[in-house]
Every structure is written in structure tokens, then in C-alpha cells.
Amino acid sequence: MKRHALRVLTAVIAALGSVLLSVAIAGPSRADTVICEKYGSTTINGGRYVVINNNWGDDTRQCINVTNTGFTITEASHNKPQNGAPGSYPAVYAGCHYANCSSGSSLPMRVTDSRFSTVRTSVSMSVPSSAGVFDAAYDIWFDPTSRTDGQNTGAEIMVWLAHTGNVQPVGNRVGTVNLAGGTWDVWFGNIGWNVVSYVRTSQTSSIDFNVATFWNDTVSRGYGQNSWYLTSVQAGFEPWVGGRGLAVNNFSYSVGTGGGGDTSAPTAPSNLRASNVTSSSVTLAWNGSSDNVGVTAYDIYRGSTPVGSVGGTSYTLSGLSASTTYSFTVRARDAAGNMSQPSNAVSVTTSGGGNGGGSCRVGYSVSQWSDGFTATITITNTGSSALNNWTLGWTFPGNQRITSGWSATYNQSGSSVTATNMSYNGSIAPGANTSIGFQGTYSGSNAAPSSFTLNGAACSVG
């Protein structure tokens, strides 16, 4: 009986094996991969990208379902305070993350490499509000060395496409900029490395951009250096509460050859503005442009004459004549040599020398401590007509940096600052004044700016 039963069982197993084999042959060519390990990862798209669960900030269980084009968070129960760090950052990336490198990314890559201007990425996501409290963001890493392992110590650029709840980036809001087809609030903080976050004011679930677009703005603000290396380009989610249902549907990363082949000109720079106008110099600043290869330089024109070129989005021009009116524009140039159309023109009249003496007077006072300060600025209209829609400009003489402000919208690029009126204080009657203020940080000395301009014209100080 035992031997007979064994023969029957053997026959059944053989038959089942045949059925299972036929099912396996007829089934899908690739099954999705489910990862629940805290730092579990796998490669997709033939090894070009790595997907990582990266449940770094929480001990609750998180699982992701990985496809050949992205991933979905299938299980998550995060419940982190919204005024602290998120629970995790599941992501898909090209490059290197703690010695886990994708293939064919050419990363790390020095920013001065001609190919850097061609690095491009895109993502499309599913960001249902029912997923909880989260941000959907790129995390782009730079290091002073060609690091492939460990923590990067240069700059972390986060590009927030969407978010829910009351979460906000590291640090404080330092400005607003138009880049990559959108308007972004810019945040800065330092947690052992610079964290520069671009939070889209009109949220989206997809984007296609050149990495140099955000990097150039970061450098112009003094938060990055062109001697550093790009180490990875990551796209994913930071969930604080929940997270289930968030998905990267498609992710792409590409790098060109550093020139040639591109026939599309960059878009024109925008919002060209002037500040710190003296009898012989002016500081110009603008919002950068982008195209499908990337901007490598901005050329500054006085009328139709080129007068300078710079990699960032600000430029100080000297050697001007006193009491003279000039008109300036800026054009973008990409890696293939294509030129954009000119930006808007800005007209500037230099002062006649001395300490200003136009239709405005500026008072500047501070209250400071070892590494921080608050400043109050009083703008007085000394002219005979109202000052409307004003922008105040100045240059810090040291390393002062604005962290938050009130009664104006502040934009800082390196040491150059502009403060633009709010809706409620945009008109200053003759003889009247208005006050604005901000909080900032510094090291060393905290000397006051020596000059101010209002709508490009020099003000008296005192």
C-alpha cells in the first residue's frame, strides 16, 4: 500500500509539474518586485536606474512595488510630526547613493565638465491626496569630491513638485524664482551640507528639466560651487503621514556629449532688474532660462553692445558715466552656441556722485547677536510725487544672508538683495515713509550697506 501510494503521488507530482511548466511559459516575461526591507533596492531599465525603499526615518513597515519604469508605495503607515523630518524617501535614481551605483550615468560628474549642461531628467508621478501628508520631490546631490559612497557634503537640491499638509523644507524661504516652466519659492538651510529647496507655487505631477537650470540658480545665490561634482539625480516621495498609493510612473535621465546637435535656442531670461546704482556702476539680476540642452552663459548687452558674460544670474557692471541713462538686456547661450531672444530691457540712470540725493532716503538699523540679527529699513519719499510699485536694492558688504522678512518680498543673489513692496505698501506719498524688515545670519562683521537704490535710482542714506 505504501509503495502503491508513492507511485500515485509521483504521477500526480509529475502531472502538476507539467501544468506548472506550461503556466510559467505562458506567463508574463517579468514579474514586479516587492521590496519591504528598510534599505532594500533593485535595478530597473537594464540597470540604468536603481529603486530604493529607503525607509530611513521611521521603523514602521513600508513596501514598494517596483516595475520596469518606476514604483508604487503599496504599504506605509507613517505618522511623523509635520514640523519634523519625514519618515522615508523611496526613490528611483541615476548615479550613486551610498556606493549603490546605477550603470551608464557618467556620475559623478564635475560641474565644469561640458556634459553637465546636457544632463536632463523627467518624471511623471501619481500623487493622490488620499495618500496622506507628503511631498513629491527630486533630490539632486552635489559633493566637493567625486564621491560614490557615504554622505554628500556639498549641496542637496530638492525640487518639490507637490505637497500636502503643513510640511515645509529645511531652513527658511529666501526668495522666489521662475525656472523650468514654473514659479518656485526658494528655501535654504544647512544641516551639515547646504539644502536648497525649490517649492512649486502651482503644484504638478510631472516635469522635464535640465539639471543645470536649478544648479545655476543655486550657485548664483552662493549655495554651491562649480568645482563640485554631481553624484546622483533622484525622484521620489517624502511621506510624513501615510504614503500608500504614491507612485513614480516613469523616470528618465540622460546626458549628452557637451555640444552640437541642438538647434533649439534657450528661452529668454526674464524679470531683468537693476539695483545698487551708483555714479559708475549697477548690479543687474534676472530669472534664468532653460532649453533641452542647457544654458552655459548669460551675455549682458548695453543697447546692442555686449559688455559682459557670466554663468550665474547676476552681474555688476562698472565703468559707467555719472548722470547718464543706460538700457540693458540679457541673452542666454546654450552648450551648442544657440542664443535666446533678449530679456526685457531695464533702463538705469546713474547718479551724479556723492551719497545719492534722488527722491528717496533710506534709514537702516539693526539689532544683532553673535551670529544673527534683525534689520529695520525705513524708506522715505523725499520727492514731490508718489512712489509706486517700488523695489529697493542694496549689496551687503559681508556674508550676511536673509532668512526671513516682513512687509516686502525679498530676493537675495549672493550679496545682492532686492525687496519689493507688498500690495498694502506699494505707494509712498510725498513726505511719507514705510518700514520693512528682515532677520538674517552673519559671521565676522555685520556692517550696514553703504548705498541703496529705489527702482534703480540712488537714495540718500541716513
Protein backbone atom coordinates (compact mmCIF):
# COMPACT_ATOMS: atom_id res chain seq x y z
CA MET A 1 0.00 0.00 0.00
CA LYS A 2 2.77 2.43 0.79
CA ARG A 3 4.60 1.67 -2.48
CA HIS A 4 1.33 2.00 -4.48
CA ALA A 5 0.52 5.31 -2.82
CA LEU A 6 4.02 6.50 -3.57
CA ARG A 7 3.62 5.66 -7.27
CA VAL A 8 0.31 7.53 -7.41
CA LEU A 9 1.84 10.54 -5.62
CA THR A 10 4.79 10.53 -8.01
CA ALA A 11 2.46 10.51 -11.01
CA VAL A 12 0.43 13.41 -9.56
CA ILE A 13 3.59 15.47 -8.92
CA ALA A 14 4.78 14.78 -12.47
CA ALA A 15 1.43 15.90 -13.89
CA LEU A 16 1.39 19.05 -11.75
CA GLY A 17 4.95 19.80 -12.82
CA SER A 18 3.87 19.68 -16.43
CA VAL A 19 0.96 22.03 -15.75
CA LEU A 20 3.14 24.44 -13.75
CA LEU A 21 5.75 24.43 -16.51
CA SER A 22 3.14 25.31 -19.13
CA VAL A 23 1.81 28.14 -16.91
CA ALA A 24 5.30 29.51 -16.40
CA ILE A 25 5.95 29.52 -20.12
CA ALA A 26 2.69 31.29 -20.87
CA GLY A 27 3.01 33.81 -18.01
CA PRO A 28 4.45 37.39 -18.01
CA SER A 29 8.08 37.86 -19.04
CA ARG A 30 8.87 39.92 -15.94
CA ALA A 31 7.18 39.92 -12.56
CA ASP A 32 7.12 43.07 -10.45
CA THR A 33 9.48 43.17 -7.47
CA VAL A 34 8.13 43.90 -3.99
CA ILE A 35 10.61 45.40 -1.51
CA CYS A 36 9.83 45.77 2.18
CA GLU A 37 13.39 45.81 3.58
CA LYS A 38 14.27 49.15 5.19
CA TYR A 39 17.03 49.94 2.67
CA GLY A 40 16.18 47.29 0.09
CA SER A 41 16.82 48.14 -3.56
CA THR A 42 16.78 46.74 -7.08
CA THR A 43 17.72 47.93 -10.56
CA ILE A 44 15.34 48.64 -13.43
CA ASN A 45 15.60 49.54 -17.13
CA GLY A 46 18.53 47.22 -17.67
CA GLY A 47 20.45 48.58 -14.69
CA ARG A 48 20.26 52.24 -15.78
CA TYR A 49 18.30 53.17 -12.65
CA VAL A 50 18.14 52.00 -9.05
CA VAL A 51 14.92 51.91 -7.00
CA ILE A 52 15.38 52.03 -3.22
CA ASN A 53 12.82 51.66 -0.42
CA ASN A 54 14.92 53.98 1.81
CA ASN A 55 12.73 53.91 4.91
CA TRP A 56 15.42 55.91 6.72
CA GLY A 57 13.36 58.00 9.15
CA ASP A 58 10.87 55.50 10.56
CA ASP A 59 10.70 51.98 11.99
CA THR A 60 7.20 51.22 10.72
CA ARG A 61 6.85 48.88 7.74
CA GLN A 62 6.99 50.33 4.22
CA CYS A 63 6.74 48.30 1.00
CA ILE A 64 7.10 49.32 -2.62
CA ASN A 65 6.10 47.51 -5.79
CA VAL A 66 8.78 48.06 -8.44
CA THR A 67 8.04 47.99 -12.18
CA ASN A 68 10.48 48.48 -15.03
CA THR A 69 9.64 52.21 -15.21
CA GLY A 70 9.13 53.18 -11.55
CA PHE A 71 7.44 52.08 -8.35
CA THR A 72 4.35 52.39 -6.15
CA ILE A 73 4.19 52.56 -2.35
CA THR A 74 1.87 49.67 -1.53
CA GLU A 75 2.18 49.63 2.25
CA ALA A 76 3.00 52.50 4.62
CA SER A 77 1.74 53.69 7.98
CA HIS A 78 3.98 56.66 8.75
CA ASN A 79 2.77 59.12 11.38
CA LYS A 80 5.57 61.63 11.85
CA PRO A 81 5.13 65.17 13.25
CA GLN A 82 4.73 67.61 10.38
CA ASN A 83 7.19 70.07 11.92
CA GLY A 84 10.00 67.49 11.84
CA ALA A 85 11.71 65.14 9.42
CA PRO A 86 9.74 62.80 7.09
CA GLY A 87 9.53 59.05 7.54
CA SER A 88 11.33 57.95 4.38
CA TYR A 89 12.37 58.76 0.83
CA PRO A 90 11.54 55.87 -1.53
CA ALA A 91 13.03 56.89 -4.86
CA VAL A 92 14.33 55.93 -8.28
CA TYR A 93 17.70 57.37 -9.23
CA ALA A 94 20.63 57.56 -11.62
CA GLY A 95 24.13 57.83 -10.18
CA CYS A 96 25.48 56.71 -6.82
CA HIS A 97 23.83 56.52 -3.40
CA TYR A 98 26.00 55.14 -0.56
CA ALA A 99 28.09 53.04 -3.02
CA ASN A 100 24.99 51.68 -4.77
CA CYS A 101 25.51 52.96 -8.32
CA SER A 102 23.44 52.65 -11.47
CA SER A 103 25.09 51.88 -14.79
CA GLY A 104 25.81 54.31 -17.62
CA SER A 105 25.03 57.56 -15.75
CA SER A 106 28.52 59.16 -16.16
CA LEU A 107 28.20 60.18 -12.49
CA PRO A 108 29.94 61.53 -10.51
CA MET A 109 30.47 64.38 -12.98
CA ARG A 110 32.26 67.64 -12.29
CA VAL A 111 30.09 70.69 -12.93
CA THR A 112 32.81 72.14 -15.19
CA ASP A 113 32.53 69.07 -17.46
CA SER A 114 30.99 70.22 -20.75
CA ARG A 115 28.46 67.38 -20.49
CA PHE A 116 26.99 68.77 -17.27
CA SER A 117 24.96 71.34 -19.19
CA THR A 118 23.29 68.46 -21.07
CA VAL A 119 22.14 66.44 -18.04
CA ARG A 120 18.37 66.18 -18.29
CA THR A 121 15.68 64.34 -16.36
CA SER A 122 11.92 63.88 -16.34
CA VAL A 123 9.36 62.21 -14.13
CA SER A 124 5.64 61.59 -14.08
CA MET A 125 4.00 60.71 -10.77
CA SER A 126 0.71 59.75 -9.20
CA VAL A 127 0.13 61.96 -6.15
CA PRO A 128 -3.37 61.24 -4.78
CA SER A 129 -4.30 63.45 -1.84
CA SER A 130 -5.64 60.33 -0.12
CA ALA A 131 -2.04 59.15 0.23
CA GLY A 132 -1.66 61.31 3.36
CA VAL A 133 0.86 64.03 4.11
CA PHE A 134 3.89 64.06 1.82
CA ASP A 135 5.99 65.89 -0.69
CA ALA A 136 6.75 64.64 -4.21
CA ALA A 137 10.28 65.79 -4.96
CA TYR A 138 13.56 65.41 -6.76
CA ASP A 139 16.67 65.06 -4.59
CA ILE A 140 19.79 66.10 -6.54
CA TRP A 141 23.14 65.71 -4.79
CA PHE A 142 26.48 67.51 -5.16
CA ASP A 143 29.76 66.87 -3.37
CA PRO A 144 33.14 68.66 -3.32
CA THR A 145 34.73 65.34 -4.38
CA SER A 146 33.78 62.62 -6.85
CA ARG A 147 32.14 60.67 -4.03
CA THR A 148 30.35 57.41 -4.72
CA ASP A 149 29.79 56.33 -1.11
CA GLY A 150 28.68 57.93 2.15
CA GLN A 151 27.04 61.28 2.83
CA ASN A 152 27.47 64.08 0.31
CA THR A 153 28.64 67.32 1.97
CA GLY A 154 28.23 69.94 -0.76
CA ALA A 155 24.65 70.73 -1.69
CA GLU A 156 21.33 68.94 -1.79
CA ILE A 157 18.86 70.45 -4.25
CA MET A 158 15.25 69.42 -3.67
CA VAL A 159 12.65 70.20 -6.34
CA TRP A 160 9.20 69.94 -4.75
CA LEU A 161 6.57 69.31 -7.42
CA ALA A 162 3.70 68.83 -4.97
CA HIS A 163 2.99 68.53 -1.25
CA THR A 164 0.13 68.23 1.21
CA GLY A 165 -0.41 69.13 4.85
CA ASN A 166 1.72 71.69 6.71
CA VAL A 167 5.15 70.34 5.82
CA GLN A 168 7.91 72.64 4.61
CA PRO A 169 11.54 72.31 3.53
CA VAL A 170 14.64 72.65 5.68
CA GLY A 171 15.53 76.21 6.68
CA ASN A 172 13.75 79.39 5.63
CA ARG A 173 12.27 80.91 2.50
CA VAL A 174 14.81 83.23 0.84
CA GLY A 175 13.19 84.19 -2.46
CA THR A 176 11.05 83.34 -5.47
CA VAL A 177 12.25 82.44 -8.97
CA ASN A 178 10.81 81.46 -12.36
CA LEU A 179 12.52 78.32 -13.67
CA ALA A 180 11.69 75.24 -15.76
CA GLY A 181 8.25 76.47 -16.74
CA GLY A 182 7.09 77.29 -13.21
CA THR A 183 7.34 79.70 -10.29
CA TRP A 184 9.17 78.39 -7.23
CA ASP A 185 9.60 79.54 -3.63
CA VAL A 186 13.28 79.10 -2.75
CA TRP A 187 14.24 77.78 0.71
CA PHE A 188 17.70 77.47 2.22
CA GLY A 189 19.04 75.66 5.27
CA ASN A 190 22.23 73.93 6.36
CA ILE A 191 22.27 70.59 8.20
CA GLY A 192 25.95 69.85 7.72
CA TRP A 193 25.52 70.50 3.99
CA ASN A 194 23.53 73.12 2.07
CA VAL A 195 19.90 72.22 1.40
CA VAL A 196 18.32 74.35 -1.32
CA SER A 197 14.64 73.58 -1.94
CA TYR A 198 12.52 74.82 -4.83
CA VAL A 199 8.81 74.55 -3.95
CA ARG A 200 6.49 74.95 -6.95
CA THR A 201 3.78 77.52 -6.21
CA SER A 202 1.41 75.77 -8.65
CA GLN A 203 1.72 72.07 -7.95
CA THR A 204 2.24 69.48 -10.67
CA SER A 205 2.75 65.73 -11.02
CA SER A 206 5.23 65.82 -13.90
CA ILE A 207 8.27 67.78 -15.07
CA ASP A 208 11.03 67.65 -17.68
CA PHE A 209 14.05 69.87 -17.00
CA ASN A 210 17.78 70.41 -17.32
CA VAL A 211 19.63 69.92 -14.01
CA ALA A 212 21.82 72.96 -14.75
CA THR A 213 18.69 75.15 -14.62
CA PHE A 214 18.34 74.76 -10.84
CA TRP A 215 22.08 74.43 -10.24
CA ASN A 216 22.85 77.78 -11.90
CA ASP A 217 20.32 79.48 -9.63
CA THR A 218 21.81 77.74 -6.59
CA VAL A 219 25.30 78.95 -7.49
CA SER A 220 24.08 82.49 -8.11
CA ARG A 221 22.72 82.55 -4.54
CA GLY A 222 26.08 81.46 -3.12
CA TYR A 223 24.96 77.96 -2.05
CA GLY A 224 27.05 75.90 -4.49
CA GLN A 225 30.40 75.91 -6.24
CA ASN A 226 31.15 74.95 -9.83
CA SER A 227 34.18 72.95 -8.69
CA TRP A 228 31.82 70.39 -7.12
CA TYR A 229 30.52 67.11 -8.59
CA LEU A 230 27.00 65.95 -9.41
CA THR A 231 26.66 62.50 -7.82
CA SER A 232 23.02 61.46 -8.22
CA VAL A 233 19.62 62.53 -9.58
CA GLN A 234 16.75 61.03 -7.57
CA ALA A 235 12.95 61.31 -7.77
CA GLY A 236 10.52 60.06 -5.14
CA PHE A 237 8.45 60.94 -2.11
CA GLU A 238 8.89 62.05 1.50
CA PRO A 239 5.84 60.84 3.43
CA TRP A 240 5.15 62.19 6.93
CA VAL A 241 1.72 60.57 7.35
CA GLY A 242 0.61 57.50 5.38
CA GLY A 243 2.13 57.27 1.90
CA ARG A 244 0.26 54.36 0.38
CA GLY A 245 -0.61 54.95 -3.30
CA LEU A 246 2.15 57.39 -4.17
CA ALA A 247 3.81 56.29 -7.41
CA VAL A 248 6.57 57.17 -9.85
CA ASN A 249 5.06 56.07 -13.15
CA ASN A 250 8.01 56.97 -15.39
CA PHE A 251 11.51 58.32 -14.69
CA SER A 252 14.19 59.27 -17.19
CA TYR A 253 17.75 60.57 -17.05
CA SER A 254 20.06 61.39 -19.93
CA VAL A 255 23.40 63.05 -20.61
CA GLY A 256 24.58 64.39 -23.97
CA THR A 257 28.02 64.94 -25.42
CA GLY A 258 28.51 68.56 -24.34
CA GLY A 259 27.73 70.35 -27.59
CA GLY A 260 26.45 70.05 -31.12
CA GLY A 261 23.17 68.62 -32.30
CA ASP A 262 20.94 71.10 -30.50
CA THR A 263 19.12 73.53 -32.74
CA SER A 264 16.63 74.87 -30.19
CA ALA A 265 17.51 78.21 -28.61
CA PRO A 266 17.01 78.73 -24.88
CA THR A 267 14.00 80.65 -23.67
CA ALA A 268 14.66 84.32 -22.94
CA PRO A 269 15.74 85.33 -19.43
CA SER A 270 13.00 87.20 -17.59
CA ASN A 271 12.46 89.81 -14.88
CA LEU A 272 15.69 91.70 -15.54
CA ARG A 273 16.08 94.25 -12.76
CA ALA A 274 18.66 96.75 -11.54
CA SER A 275 19.91 97.57 -8.06
CA ASN A 276 22.80 99.31 -6.32
CA VAL A 277 23.01 102.05 -8.94
CA THR A 278 25.89 104.45 -8.26
CA SER A 279 27.57 107.15 -10.33
CA SER A 280 29.69 104.50 -12.09
CA SER A 281 28.17 101.02 -11.60
CA VAL A 282 24.99 98.96 -11.48
CA THR A 283 24.08 95.43 -10.41
CA LEU A 284 21.78 93.52 -12.75
CA ALA A 285 19.86 90.36 -11.81
CA TRP A 286 17.40 88.21 -13.76
CA ASN A 287 15.49 84.93 -13.73
CA GLY A 288 17.26 82.19 -15.67
CA SER A 289 16.11 80.32 -18.76
CA SER A 290 16.35 76.73 -19.95
CA ASP A 291 16.15 74.52 -23.03
CA ASN A 292 16.69 70.87 -23.90
CA VAL A 293 20.48 71.10 -23.71
CA GLY A 294 21.04 73.73 -21.05
CA VAL A 295 22.26 77.27 -20.56
CA THR A 296 26.02 77.71 -20.21
CA ALA A 297 26.26 81.53 -20.05
CA TYR A 298 24.32 84.78 -19.96
CA ASP A 299 25.53 87.69 -22.11
CA ILE A 300 24.82 91.23 -20.94
CA TYR A 301 24.13 93.96 -23.50
CA ARG A 302 24.20 97.76 -23.13
CA GLY A 303 21.98 98.75 -26.02
CA SER A 304 23.26 96.48 -28.81
CA THR A 305 26.81 96.24 -27.42
CA PRO A 306 27.85 93.14 -25.43
CA VAL A 307 29.52 94.27 -22.19
CA GLY A 308 29.94 91.07 -20.17
CA SER A 309 29.18 87.36 -19.74
CA VAL A 310 28.50 85.30 -16.62
CA GLY A 311 27.45 81.76 -15.70
CA GLY A 312 25.02 82.85 -12.95
CA THR A 313 22.01 85.16 -12.90
CA SER A 314 23.53 88.41 -11.63
CA TYR A 315 26.27 90.75 -12.85
CA THR A 316 27.81 94.00 -11.60
CA LEU A 317 28.86 96.38 -14.35
CA SER A 318 31.31 99.20 -13.58
CA GLY A 319 32.93 101.97 -15.59
CA LEU A 320 29.69 103.85 -16.28
CA SER A 321 29.42 107.62 -16.58
CA ALA A 322 27.70 109.72 -13.92
CA SER A 323 24.24 111.20 -14.57
CA THR A 324 23.76 109.03 -17.68
CA THR A 325 20.84 106.83 -18.74
CA TYR A 326 21.59 103.30 -19.99
CA SER A 327 19.40 100.46 -21.28
CA PHE A 328 20.38 96.85 -20.59
CA THR A 329 19.19 93.42 -21.78
CA VAL A 330 20.41 89.85 -21.20
CA ARG A 331 20.51 86.87 -23.57
CA ALA A 332 21.06 83.20 -22.74
CA ARG A 333 23.55 80.98 -24.60
CA ASP A 334 23.49 77.16 -24.53
CA ALA A 335 26.14 74.45 -24.95
CA ALA A 336 25.59 74.34 -28.72
CA GLY A 337 26.02 78.11 -29.08
CA ASN A 338 22.32 78.93 -29.63
CA MET A 339 21.25 82.38 -28.38
CA SER A 340 17.92 83.25 -26.81
CA GLN A 341 15.86 86.31 -27.57
CA PRO A 342 16.71 89.32 -25.35
CA SER A 343 15.17 89.66 -21.93
CA ASN A 344 13.03 92.63 -21.04
CA ALA A 345 15.02 95.87 -21.14
CA VAL A 346 15.77 97.78 -17.96
CA SER A 347 16.64 101.48 -18.01
CA VAL A 348 19.06 102.88 -15.43
CA THR A 349 20.16 106.45 -14.73
CA THR A 350 23.42 106.71 -12.81
CA SER A 351 23.71 109.20 -10.00
CA GLY A 352 25.76 112.37 -10.13
CA GLY A 353 28.19 111.14 -7.47
CA GLY A 354 28.26 111.58 -3.71
CA ASN A 355 25.76 109.93 -1.39
CA GLY A 356 22.78 109.81 -3.68
CA GLY A 357 20.18 112.53 -3.30
CA GLY A 358 17.34 111.33 -5.52
CA SER A 359 13.68 111.30 -4.42
CA CYS A 360 14.21 108.84 -1.58
CA ARG A 361 16.01 108.48 1.71
CA VAL A 362 16.76 105.15 3.43
CA GLY A 363 17.39 104.53 7.10
CA TYR A 364 18.93 101.20 8.18
CA SER A 365 19.16 99.99 11.80
CA VAL A 366 20.00 96.58 13.28
CA SER A 367 19.74 94.61 16.48
CA GLN A 368 22.29 91.80 16.48
CA TRP A 369 23.76 88.89 18.45
CA SER A 370 26.72 86.55 17.92
CA ASP A 371 25.62 85.10 14.57
CA GLY A 372 22.27 86.68 13.76
CA PHE A 373 20.46 89.98 13.51
CA THR A 374 17.23 91.76 12.71
CA ALA A 375 17.20 94.84 10.49
CA THR A 376 14.64 97.61 10.07
CA ILE A 377 14.67 99.69 6.89
CA THR A 378 12.70 102.94 6.61
CA ILE A 379 12.05 104.29 3.11
CA THR A 380 11.10 107.98 2.91
CA ASN A 381 9.75 109.67 -0.21
CA THR A 382 11.63 112.99 -0.46
CA GLY A 383 10.19 113.82 -3.87
CA SER A 384 7.06 115.71 -4.96
CA SER A 385 5.11 112.76 -6.38
CA ALA A 386 4.10 109.35 -5.05
CA LEU A 387 6.50 106.39 -5.28
CA ASN A 388 4.52 103.47 -6.70
CA ASN A 389 5.37 99.78 -7.13
CA TRP A 390 8.83 100.14 -5.66
CA THR A 391 11.81 97.80 -5.46
CA LEU A 392 14.60 98.61 -3.01
CA GLY A 393 18.08 97.28 -3.79
CA TRP A 394 21.35 97.02 -1.88
CA THR A 395 24.51 94.95 -1.50
CA PHE A 396 25.67 93.50 1.81
CA PRO A 397 29.35 94.28 2.48
CA GLY A 398 29.89 90.95 4.28
CA ASN A 399 28.42 87.43 4.26
CA GLN A 400 25.01 88.44 5.61
CA ARG A 401 22.15 86.26 4.48
CA ILE A 402 18.42 86.89 4.89
CA THR A 403 16.46 84.01 6.46
CA SER A 404 13.01 85.60 6.76
CA GLY A 405 11.39 89.00 6.28
CA TRP A 406 8.25 91.05 6.53
CA SER A 407 6.44 93.88 4.70
CA ALA A 408 8.27 93.08 1.43
CA THR A 409 9.23 90.18 -0.84
CA TYR A 410 12.97 89.56 -0.58
CA ASN A 411 15.23 88.06 -3.24
CA GLN A 412 18.92 87.52 -2.49
CA SER A 413 21.56 86.55 -5.04
CA GLY A 414 24.96 86.30 -3.40
CA SER A 415 25.41 89.61 -1.55
CA SER A 416 22.89 91.48 -3.75
CA VAL A 417 19.36 91.90 -2.38
CA THR A 418 16.09 93.31 -3.69
CA ALA A 419 12.99 93.99 -1.59
CA THR A 420 9.71 94.53 -3.47
CA ASN A 421 6.61 96.11 -1.98
CA MET A 422 3.58 94.19 -0.80
CA SER A 423 0.09 95.07 -2.03
CA TYR A 424 -0.62 97.19 1.05
CA ASN A 425 2.51 99.39 0.99
CA GLY A 426 3.17 99.79 -2.73
CA SER A 427 2.55 103.54 -2.76
CA ILE A 428 4.53 106.06 -0.67
CA ALA A 429 3.13 109.60 -0.75
CA PRO A 430 5.45 112.65 -0.88
CA GLY A 431 6.95 113.23 2.57
CA ALA A 432 5.66 109.85 3.83
CA ASN A 433 7.61 106.72 4.69
CA THR A 434 7.19 102.99 5.10
CA SER A 435 9.16 100.45 7.10
CA ILE A 436 10.19 96.92 6.19
CA GLY A 437 12.42 94.42 7.98
CA PHE A 438 14.07 91.06 7.97
CA GLN A 439 16.02 88.57 10.07
CA GLY A 440 19.40 87.29 8.93
CA THR A 441 22.61 85.49 9.80
CA TYR A 442 26.26 86.54 9.53
CA SER A 443 29.76 85.71 10.69
CA GLY A 444 32.59 88.11 11.33
CA SER A 445 31.43 91.70 10.89
CA ASN A 446 27.89 92.89 10.22
CA ALA A 447 28.46 96.29 8.60
CA ALA A 448 25.50 98.17 7.13
CA PRO A 449 25.11 98.52 3.35
CA SER A 450 26.68 101.75 2.11
CA SER A 451 24.09 102.59 -0.55
CA PHE A 452 20.53 101.83 -1.60
CA THR A 453 18.52 102.26 -4.80
CA LEU A 454 14.80 102.56 -5.32
CA ASN A 455 13.57 101.44 -8.74
CA GLY A 456 17.16 101.76 -9.95
CA ALA A 457 17.74 105.34 -8.70
CA ALA A 458 20.16 106.04 -5.86
CA CYS A 459 18.73 107.12 -2.49
CA SER A 460 20.35 109.25 0.18
CA VAL A 461 21.24 107.29 3.31
CA GLY A 462 20.65 108.33 6.90
